[in-house]
Amino acid sequence: MNTHVLPTLFGQRLLSLACYLGLAPFIALWGRGARRPLPPLVQHHLRQATGIFLLLCLVILLFILVVASISVAIVLDRHFYQDSQIEAFALNTTRRLFLCWLVFWVFGAGLALGASDRPMPLVGWLARGKYARRATWGLLLGLHTLLLALTPFAVYTAHLTPPPPPPPPPPPVSSASAPAASKSPSSPNSPSATPSPPPNFSSSAPTAAKAAS
């Protein structure tokens, strides 16, 4: 029997999954205001989801530092920047770190759906500190607030965008071009063209003989 799997309700699994969808600070605030504390499974995934998002913040911070370092290297020594290929190495490293974070996130969400309280490596250690958890929740709340504040501006900007102009109408056909087209000679390949008669060589032969005599 697996001791890591707890018999829980379906709602607790949804709450545990919601922690990995960025709703961890709201669930923590709801748990503080409720009369009963959160179930142990939800509390466990609340800590793990906080550690996962803290790890994401560290990856983003590292990416910002890498971009700033590359910018300084371009300004100070451009030849070193071109010869060392530091940009490709730094971007590849940051991409791999983000893929590792994505693996952690998928693994944590799978544990939440499976109602498992198995601890994840490194994530539980990151979320052990009280101040680290509060800082991560503050960042997530700030992100949600920023998204909510930008939504009306995005809708307003979409209304201010003028619609695309209609396609131009086709040019009108003038009445003077129709008779000109009817008077133009027909091409020899057209079926309505009448073939010209062949030259009569028999009638021109006696005339040429009389002129020679």
C-alpha atoms as a PDB file:
ATOM      1  CA  MET A   1       0.000   0.000   0.000  1.00  0.00           C
ATOM      2  CA  ASN A   2       1.303   3.457  -0.997  1.00  0.00           C
ATOM      3  CA  THR A   3       1.504   5.627   2.116  1.00  0.00           C
ATOM      4  CA  HIS A   4       2.001   8.787   0.057  1.00  0.00           C
ATOM      5  CA  VAL A   5      -1.531   8.744  -1.369  1.00  0.00           C
ATOM      6  CA  LEU A   6      -4.175  10.233   0.881  1.00  0.00           C
ATOM      7  CA  PRO A   7      -7.917   9.573   0.547  1.00  0.00           C
ATOM      8  CA  THR A   8      -9.247  13.011  -0.310  1.00  0.00           C
ATOM      9  CA  LEU A   9     -12.282  14.606  -1.839  1.00  0.00           C
ATOM     10  CA  PHE A  10     -12.457  15.804  -5.406  1.00  0.00           C
ATOM     11  CA  GLY A  11     -12.608  19.418  -4.273  1.00  0.00           C
ATOM     12  CA  GLN A  12      -9.308  19.089  -2.429  1.00  0.00           C
ATOM     13  CA  ARG A  13      -7.673  17.859  -5.614  1.00  0.00           C
ATOM     14  CA  LEU A  14      -9.000  20.860  -7.486  1.00  0.00           C
ATOM     15  CA  LEU A  15      -7.715  23.202  -4.776  1.00  0.00           C
ATOM     16  CA  SER A  16      -4.321  21.522  -4.923  1.00  0.00           C
ATOM     17  CA  LEU A  17      -4.230  21.894  -8.696  1.00  0.00           C
ATOM     18  CA  ALA A  18      -5.310  25.537  -8.462  1.00  0.00           C
ATOM     19  CA  CYS A  19      -2.200  26.234  -6.370  1.00  0.00           C
ATOM     20  CA  TYR A  20      -0.070  25.360  -9.413  1.00  0.00           C
ATOM     21  CA  LEU A  21      -2.160  27.625 -11.660  1.00  0.00           C
ATOM     22  CA  GLY A  22      -1.072  30.772  -9.846  1.00  0.00           C
ATOM     23  CA  LEU A  23      -3.910  30.886  -7.311  1.00  0.00           C
ATOM     24  CA  ALA A  24      -1.786  29.941  -4.315  1.00  0.00           C
ATOM     25  CA  PRO A  25      -1.982  33.369  -2.580  1.00  0.00           C
ATOM     26  CA  PHE A  26      -5.770  33.467  -2.913  1.00  0.00           C
ATOM     27  CA  ILE A  27      -6.104  29.970  -1.477  1.00  0.00           C
ATOM     28  CA  ALA A  28      -3.781  30.919   1.385  1.00  0.00           C
ATOM     29  CA  LEU A  29      -5.875  34.003   2.161  1.00  0.00           C
ATOM     30  CA  TRP A  30      -9.059  31.975   1.960  1.00  0.00           C
ATOM     31  CA  GLY A  31      -7.589  29.384   4.313  1.00  0.00           C
ATOM     32  CA  ARG A  32      -6.695  32.060   6.850  1.00  0.00           C
ATOM     33  CA  GLY A  33     -10.177  33.550   6.776  1.00  0.00           C
ATOM     34  CA  ALA A  34     -11.985  30.217   6.979  1.00  0.00           C
ATOM     35  CA  ARG A  35     -13.118  28.762  10.254  1.00  0.00           C
ATOM     36  CA  ARG A  36     -11.482  25.432   9.566  1.00  0.00           C
ATOM     37  CA  PRO A  37      -7.869  25.136   8.399  1.00  0.00           C
ATOM     38  CA  LEU A  38      -7.039  23.835   4.993  1.00  0.00           C
ATOM     39  CA  PRO A  39      -6.710  20.052   4.618  1.00  0.00           C
ATOM     40  CA  PRO A  40      -3.168  18.690   4.956  1.00  0.00           C
ATOM     41  CA  LEU A  41      -3.050  17.790   1.259  1.00  0.00           C
ATOM     42  CA  VAL A  42      -3.933  21.329   0.170  1.00  0.00           C
ATOM     43  CA  GLN A  43      -1.414  22.805   2.613  1.00  0.00           C
ATOM     44  CA  HIS A  44       1.283  20.510   1.249  1.00  0.00           C
ATOM     45  CA  HIS A  45       0.655  21.500  -2.379  1.00  0.00           C
ATOM     46  CA  LEU A  46       0.320  25.126  -1.358  1.00  0.00           C
ATOM     47  CA  ARG A  47       3.894  25.037  -0.081  1.00  0.00           C
ATOM     48  CA  GLN A  48       5.165  23.130  -3.103  1.00  0.00           C
ATOM     49  CA  ALA A  49       3.430  25.417  -5.603  1.00  0.00           C
ATOM     50  CA  THR A  50       4.910  28.416  -3.796  1.00  0.00           C
ATOM     51  CA  GLY A  51       8.380  26.874  -4.097  1.00  0.00           C
ATOM     52  CA  ILE A  52       7.834  26.181  -7.802  1.00  0.00           C
ATOM     53  CA  PHE A  53       6.839  29.774  -8.526  1.00  0.00           C
ATOM     54  CA  LEU A  54       9.760  31.002  -6.424  1.00  0.00           C
ATOM     55  CA  LEU A  55      12.002  28.879  -8.638  1.00  0.00           C
ATOM     56  CA  LEU A  56      10.410  30.514 -11.697  1.00  0.00           C
ATOM     57  CA  CYS A  57      11.151  33.960 -10.254  1.00  0.00           C
ATOM     58  CA  LEU A  58      14.790  32.944  -9.824  1.00  0.00           C
ATOM     59  CA  VAL A  59      14.975  31.747 -13.442  1.00  0.00           C
ATOM     60  CA  ILE A  60      13.460  35.024 -14.685  1.00  0.00           C
ATOM     61  CA  LEU A  61      15.875  37.007 -12.512  1.00  0.00           C
ATOM     62  CA  LEU A  62      18.777  35.017 -13.927  1.00  0.00           C
ATOM     63  CA  PHE A  63      17.563  35.711 -17.461  1.00  0.00           C
ATOM     64  CA  ILE A  64      17.400  39.455 -16.745  1.00  0.00           C
ATOM     65  CA  LEU A  65      20.954  39.367 -15.348  1.00  0.00           C
ATOM     66  CA  VAL A  66      22.173  37.458 -18.402  1.00  0.00           C
ATOM     67  CA  VAL A  67      20.620  39.986 -20.799  1.00  0.00           C
ATOM     68  CA  ALA A  68      22.129  42.875 -18.813  1.00  0.00           C
ATOM     69  CA  SER A  69      25.559  41.202 -18.828  1.00  0.00           C
ATOM     70  CA  ILE A  70      25.401  40.656 -22.594  1.00  0.00           C
ATOM     71  CA  SER A  71      24.472  44.305 -23.107  1.00  0.00           C
ATOM     72  CA  VAL A  72      27.454  45.412 -21.004  1.00  0.00           C
ATOM     73  CA  ALA A  73      29.762  43.058 -22.938  1.00  0.00           C
ATOM     74  CA  ILE A  74      28.593  44.547 -26.240  1.00  0.00           C
ATOM     75  CA  VAL A  75      29.332  48.075 -25.027  1.00  0.00           C
ATOM     76  CA  LEU A  76      32.724  47.366 -23.404  1.00  0.00           C
ATOM     77  CA  ASP A  77      34.305  44.809 -25.705  1.00  0.00           C
ATOM     78  CA  ARG A  78      32.508  44.030 -28.926  1.00  0.00           C
ATOM     79  CA  HIS A  79      35.269  41.763 -30.255  1.00  0.00           C
ATOM     80  CA  PHE A  80      35.061  39.541 -27.178  1.00  0.00           C
ATOM     81  CA  TYR A  81      31.291  39.360 -27.620  1.00  0.00           C
ATOM     82  CA  GLN A  82      31.623  38.303 -31.263  1.00  0.00           C
ATOM     83  CA  ASP A  83      34.433  35.793 -30.683  1.00  0.00           C
ATOM     84  CA  SER A  84      33.137  34.065 -27.549  1.00  0.00           C
ATOM     85  CA  GLN A  85      29.509  33.493 -28.668  1.00  0.00           C
ATOM     86  CA  ILE A  86      28.396  34.178 -25.126  1.00  0.00           C
ATOM     87  CA  GLU A  87      24.900  35.107 -26.234  1.00  0.00           C
ATOM     88  CA  ALA A  88      24.078  31.668 -27.656  1.00  0.00           C
ATOM     89  CA  PHE A  89      25.537  29.907 -24.611  1.00  0.00           C
ATOM     90  CA  ALA A  90      23.633  32.105 -22.134  1.00  0.00           C
ATOM     91  CA  LEU A  91      20.321  31.838 -23.963  1.00  0.00           C
ATOM     92  CA  ASN A  92      20.632  28.065 -24.327  1.00  0.00           C
ATOM     93  CA  THR A  93      21.369  27.718 -20.611  1.00  0.00           C
ATOM     94  CA  THR A  94      18.382  29.875 -19.673  1.00  0.00           C
ATOM     95  CA  ARG A  95      16.135  27.869 -22.004  1.00  0.00           C
ATOM     96  CA  ARG A  96      17.226  24.614 -20.399  1.00  0.00           C
ATOM     97  CA  LEU A  97      16.574  26.005 -16.932  1.00  0.00           C
ATOM     98  CA  PHE A  98      13.078  27.006 -18.003  1.00  0.00           C
ATOM     99  CA  LEU A  99      12.465  23.507 -19.382  1.00  0.00           C
ATOM    100  CA  CYS A 100      13.602  22.057 -16.051  1.00  0.00           C
ATOM    101  CA  TRP A 101      11.159  24.349 -14.277  1.00  0.00           C
ATOM    102  CA  LEU A 102       8.392  23.167 -16.606  1.00  0.00           C
ATOM    103  CA  VAL A 103       9.167  19.566 -15.685  1.00  0.00           C
ATOM    104  CA  PHE A 104       8.855  20.470 -11.991  1.00  0.00           C
ATOM    105  CA  TRP A 105       5.523  22.198 -12.657  1.00  0.00           C
ATOM    106  CA  VAL A 106       4.066  19.251 -14.581  1.00  0.00           C
ATOM    107  CA  PHE A 107       5.261  16.834 -11.910  1.00  0.00           C
ATOM    108  CA  GLY A 108       3.692  18.898  -9.125  1.00  0.00           C
ATOM    109  CA  ALA A 109       0.392  19.266 -10.987  1.00  0.00           C
ATOM    110  CA  GLY A 110       0.335  15.516 -11.564  1.00  0.00           C
ATOM    111  CA  LEU A 111       0.881  14.869  -7.847  1.00  0.00           C
ATOM    112  CA  ALA A 112      -1.981  17.245  -7.057  1.00  0.00           C
ATOM    113  CA  LEU A 113      -4.339  15.422  -9.405  1.00  0.00           C
ATOM    114  CA  GLY A 114      -3.231  12.099  -7.985  1.00  0.00           C
ATOM    115  CA  ALA A 115      -3.852  13.262  -4.386  1.00  0.00           C
ATOM    116  CA  SER A 116      -0.264  12.497  -3.443  1.00  0.00           C
ATOM    117  CA  ASP A 117       1.682  14.242  -0.683  1.00  0.00           C
ATOM    118  CA  ARG A 118       5.070  13.090  -1.933  1.00  0.00           C
ATOM    119  CA  PRO A 119       7.634  15.875  -1.496  1.00  0.00           C
ATOM    120  CA  MET A 120       9.508  17.199  -4.503  1.00  0.00           C
ATOM    121  CA  PRO A 121      13.271  17.761  -4.421  1.00  0.00           C
ATOM    122  CA  LEU A 122      14.497  21.344  -4.008  1.00  0.00           C
ATOM    123  CA  VAL A 123      10.976  22.783  -4.148  1.00  0.00           C
ATOM    124  CA  GLY A 124      10.075  22.068  -0.541  1.00  0.00           C
ATOM    125  CA  TRP A 125      13.372  23.499   0.622  1.00  0.00           C
ATOM    126  CA  LEU A 126      12.762  26.751  -1.267  1.00  0.00           C
ATOM    127  CA  ALA A 127       9.295  27.214   0.258  1.00  0.00           C
ATOM    128  CA  ARG A 128      10.423  26.386   3.793  1.00  0.00           C
ATOM    129  CA  GLY A 129      11.054  30.003   4.751  1.00  0.00           C
ATOM    130  CA  LYS A 130       8.112  32.138   5.783  1.00  0.00           C
ATOM    131  CA  TYR A 131       9.468  35.290   4.155  1.00  0.00           C
ATOM    132  CA  ALA A 132      10.176  33.480   0.903  1.00  0.00           C
ATOM    133  CA  ARG A 133       6.567  32.301   0.746  1.00  0.00           C
ATOM    134  CA  ARG A 134       5.238  35.784   1.457  1.00  0.00           C
ATOM    135  CA  ALA A 135       7.503  37.336  -1.167  1.00  0.00           C
ATOM    136  CA  THR A 136       6.337  34.815  -3.772  1.00  0.00           C
ATOM    137  CA  TRP A 137       2.682  35.401  -2.900  1.00  0.00           C
ATOM    138  CA  GLY A 138       3.267  39.139  -3.162  1.00  0.00           C
ATOM    139  CA  LEU A 139       4.761  38.732  -6.628  1.00  0.00           C
ATOM    140  CA  LEU A 140       1.853  36.572  -7.750  1.00  0.00           C
ATOM    141  CA  LEU A 141      -0.687  39.049  -6.364  1.00  0.00           C
ATOM    142  CA  GLY A 142       1.131  41.875  -8.141  1.00  0.00           C
ATOM    143  CA  LEU A 143       1.065  39.913 -11.396  1.00  0.00           C
ATOM    144  CA  HIS A 144      -2.669  39.255 -11.108  1.00  0.00           C
ATOM    145  CA  THR A 145      -3.313  42.912 -10.273  1.00  0.00           C
ATOM    146  CA  LEU A 146      -1.289  44.031 -13.270  1.00  0.00           C
ATOM    147  CA  LEU A 147      -3.212  41.703 -15.573  1.00  0.00           C
ATOM    148  CA  LEU A 148      -6.555  42.919 -14.235  1.00  0.00           C
ATOM    149  CA  ALA A 149      -5.465  46.544 -14.632  1.00  0.00           C
ATOM    150  CA  LEU A 150      -4.285  46.020 -18.212  1.00  0.00           C
ATOM    151  CA  THR A 151      -7.446  44.234 -19.347  1.00  0.00           C
ATOM    152  CA  PRO A 152      -9.662  47.397 -19.647  1.00  0.00           C
ATOM    153  CA  PHE A 153      -6.843  49.244 -21.408  1.00  0.00           C
ATOM    154  CA  ALA A 154      -6.509  46.390 -23.895  1.00  0.00           C
ATOM    155  CA  VAL A 155     -10.264  46.429 -24.572  1.00  0.00           C
ATOM    156  CA  TYR A 156     -10.259  50.225 -24.937  1.00  0.00           C
ATOM    157  CA  THR A 157      -7.298  50.088 -27.322  1.00  0.00           C
ATOM    158  CA  ALA A 158      -9.068  47.451 -29.403  1.00  0.00           C
ATOM    159  CA  HIS A 159     -12.070  49.797 -29.770  1.00  0.00           C
ATOM    160  CA  LEU A 160      -9.802  52.689 -30.777  1.00  0.00           C
ATOM    161  CA  THR A 161      -8.218  50.710 -33.584  1.00  0.00           C
ATOM    162  CA  PRO A 162      -9.872  51.782 -36.869  1.00  0.00           C
ATOM    163  CA  PRO A 163     -11.398  49.041 -38.984  1.00  0.00           C
ATOM    164  CA  PRO A 164      -9.536  48.053 -42.129  1.00  0.00           C
ATOM    165  CA  PRO A 165     -10.527  50.040 -45.243  1.00  0.00           C
ATOM    166  CA  PRO A 166     -12.862  48.330 -47.694  1.00  0.00           C
ATOM    167  CA  PRO A 167     -11.344  46.967 -50.890  1.00  0.00           C
ATOM    168  CA  PRO A 168     -11.373  49.411 -53.831  1.00  0.00           C
ATOM    169  CA  PRO A 169     -14.193  48.949 -56.370  1.00  0.00           C
ATOM    170  CA  PRO A 170     -13.330  47.545 -59.799  1.00  0.00           C
ATOM    171  CA  PRO A 171     -12.671  50.161 -62.500  1.00  0.00           C
ATOM    172  CA  PRO A 172     -15.770  50.998 -64.581  1.00  0.00           C
ATOM    173  CA  VAL A 173     -15.881  49.885 -68.218  1.00  0.00           C
ATOM    174  CA  SER A 174     -16.277  52.941 -70.496  1.00  0.00           C
ATOM    175  CA  SER A 175     -18.709  52.876 -73.425  1.00  0.00           C
ATOM    176  CA  ALA A 176     -16.062  54.165 -75.896  1.00  0.00           C
ATOM    177  CA  SER A 177     -13.909  51.108 -75.451  1.00  0.00           C
ATOM    178  CA  ALA A 178     -16.627  48.713 -76.628  1.00  0.00           C
ATOM    179  CA  PRO A 179     -16.847  49.946 -80.317  1.00  0.00           C
ATOM    180  CA  ALA A 180     -13.053  50.146 -80.483  1.00  0.00           C
ATOM    181  CA  ALA A 181     -12.854  46.539 -79.466  1.00  0.00           C
ATOM    182  CA  SER A 182     -15.412  45.571 -82.136  1.00  0.00           C
ATOM    183  CA  LYS A 183     -13.515  47.454 -84.881  1.00  0.00           C
ATOM    184  CA  SER A 184     -10.141  45.938 -84.071  1.00  0.00           C
ATOM    185  CA  PRO A 185      -9.013  43.283 -86.575  1.00  0.00           C
ATOM    186  CA  SER A 186      -9.485  39.769 -85.423  1.00  0.00           C
ATOM    187  CA  SER A 187      -6.480  37.623 -84.841  1.00  0.00           C
ATOM    188  CA  PRO A 188      -5.663  34.859 -87.325  1.00  0.00           C
ATOM    189  CA  ASN A 189      -6.138  32.223 -84.629  1.00  0.00           C
ATOM    190  CA  SER A 190      -9.702  33.293 -83.864  1.00  0.00           C
ATOM    191  CA  PRO A 191     -12.462  31.171 -85.415  1.00  0.00           C
ATOM    192  CA  SER A 192     -14.276  34.236 -86.831  1.00  0.00           C
ATOM    193  CA  ALA A 193     -11.316  35.358 -88.962  1.00  0.00           C
ATOM    194  CA  THR A 194     -11.885  34.756 -92.753  1.00  0.00           C
ATOM    195  CA  PRO A 195      -8.839  33.357 -94.600  1.00  0.00           C
ATOM    196  CA  SER A 196      -7.482  35.446 -97.509  1.00  0.00           C
ATOM    197  CA  PRO A 197      -7.641  33.834-100.999  1.00  0.00           C
ATOM    198  CA  PRO A 198      -4.380  32.354-102.353  1.00  0.00           C
ATOM    199  CA  PRO A 199      -2.584  34.268-105.154  1.00  0.00           C
ATOM    200  CA  ASN A 200      -3.500  33.351-108.790  1.00  0.00           C
ATOM    201  CA  PHE A 201      -0.206  32.450-110.511  1.00  0.00           C
ATOM    202  CA  SER A 202      -1.902  31.230-113.744  1.00  0.00           C
ATOM    203  CA  SER A 203      -3.180  34.682-114.699  1.00  0.00           C
ATOM    204  CA  SER A 204       0.140  36.383-114.087  1.00  0.00           C
ATOM    205  CA  ALA A 205       2.190  33.970-116.287  1.00  0.00           C
ATOM    206  CA  PRO A 206       0.920  35.183-119.809  1.00  0.00           C
ATOM    207  CA  THR A 207       1.404  38.773-118.754  1.00  0.00           C
ATOM    208  CA  ALA A 208       5.039  38.111-117.871  1.00  0.00           C
ATOM    209  CA  ALA A 209       5.584  36.294-121.262  1.00  0.00           C
ATOM    210  CA  LYS A 210       4.186  39.212-123.288  1.00  0.00           C
ATOM    211  CA  ALA A 211       6.413  41.641-121.453  1.00  0.00           C
ATOM    212  CA  ALA A 212       9.482  39.534-122.242  1.00  0.00           C
ATOM    213  CA  SER A 213       8.655  39.425-126.059  1.00  0.00           C
END
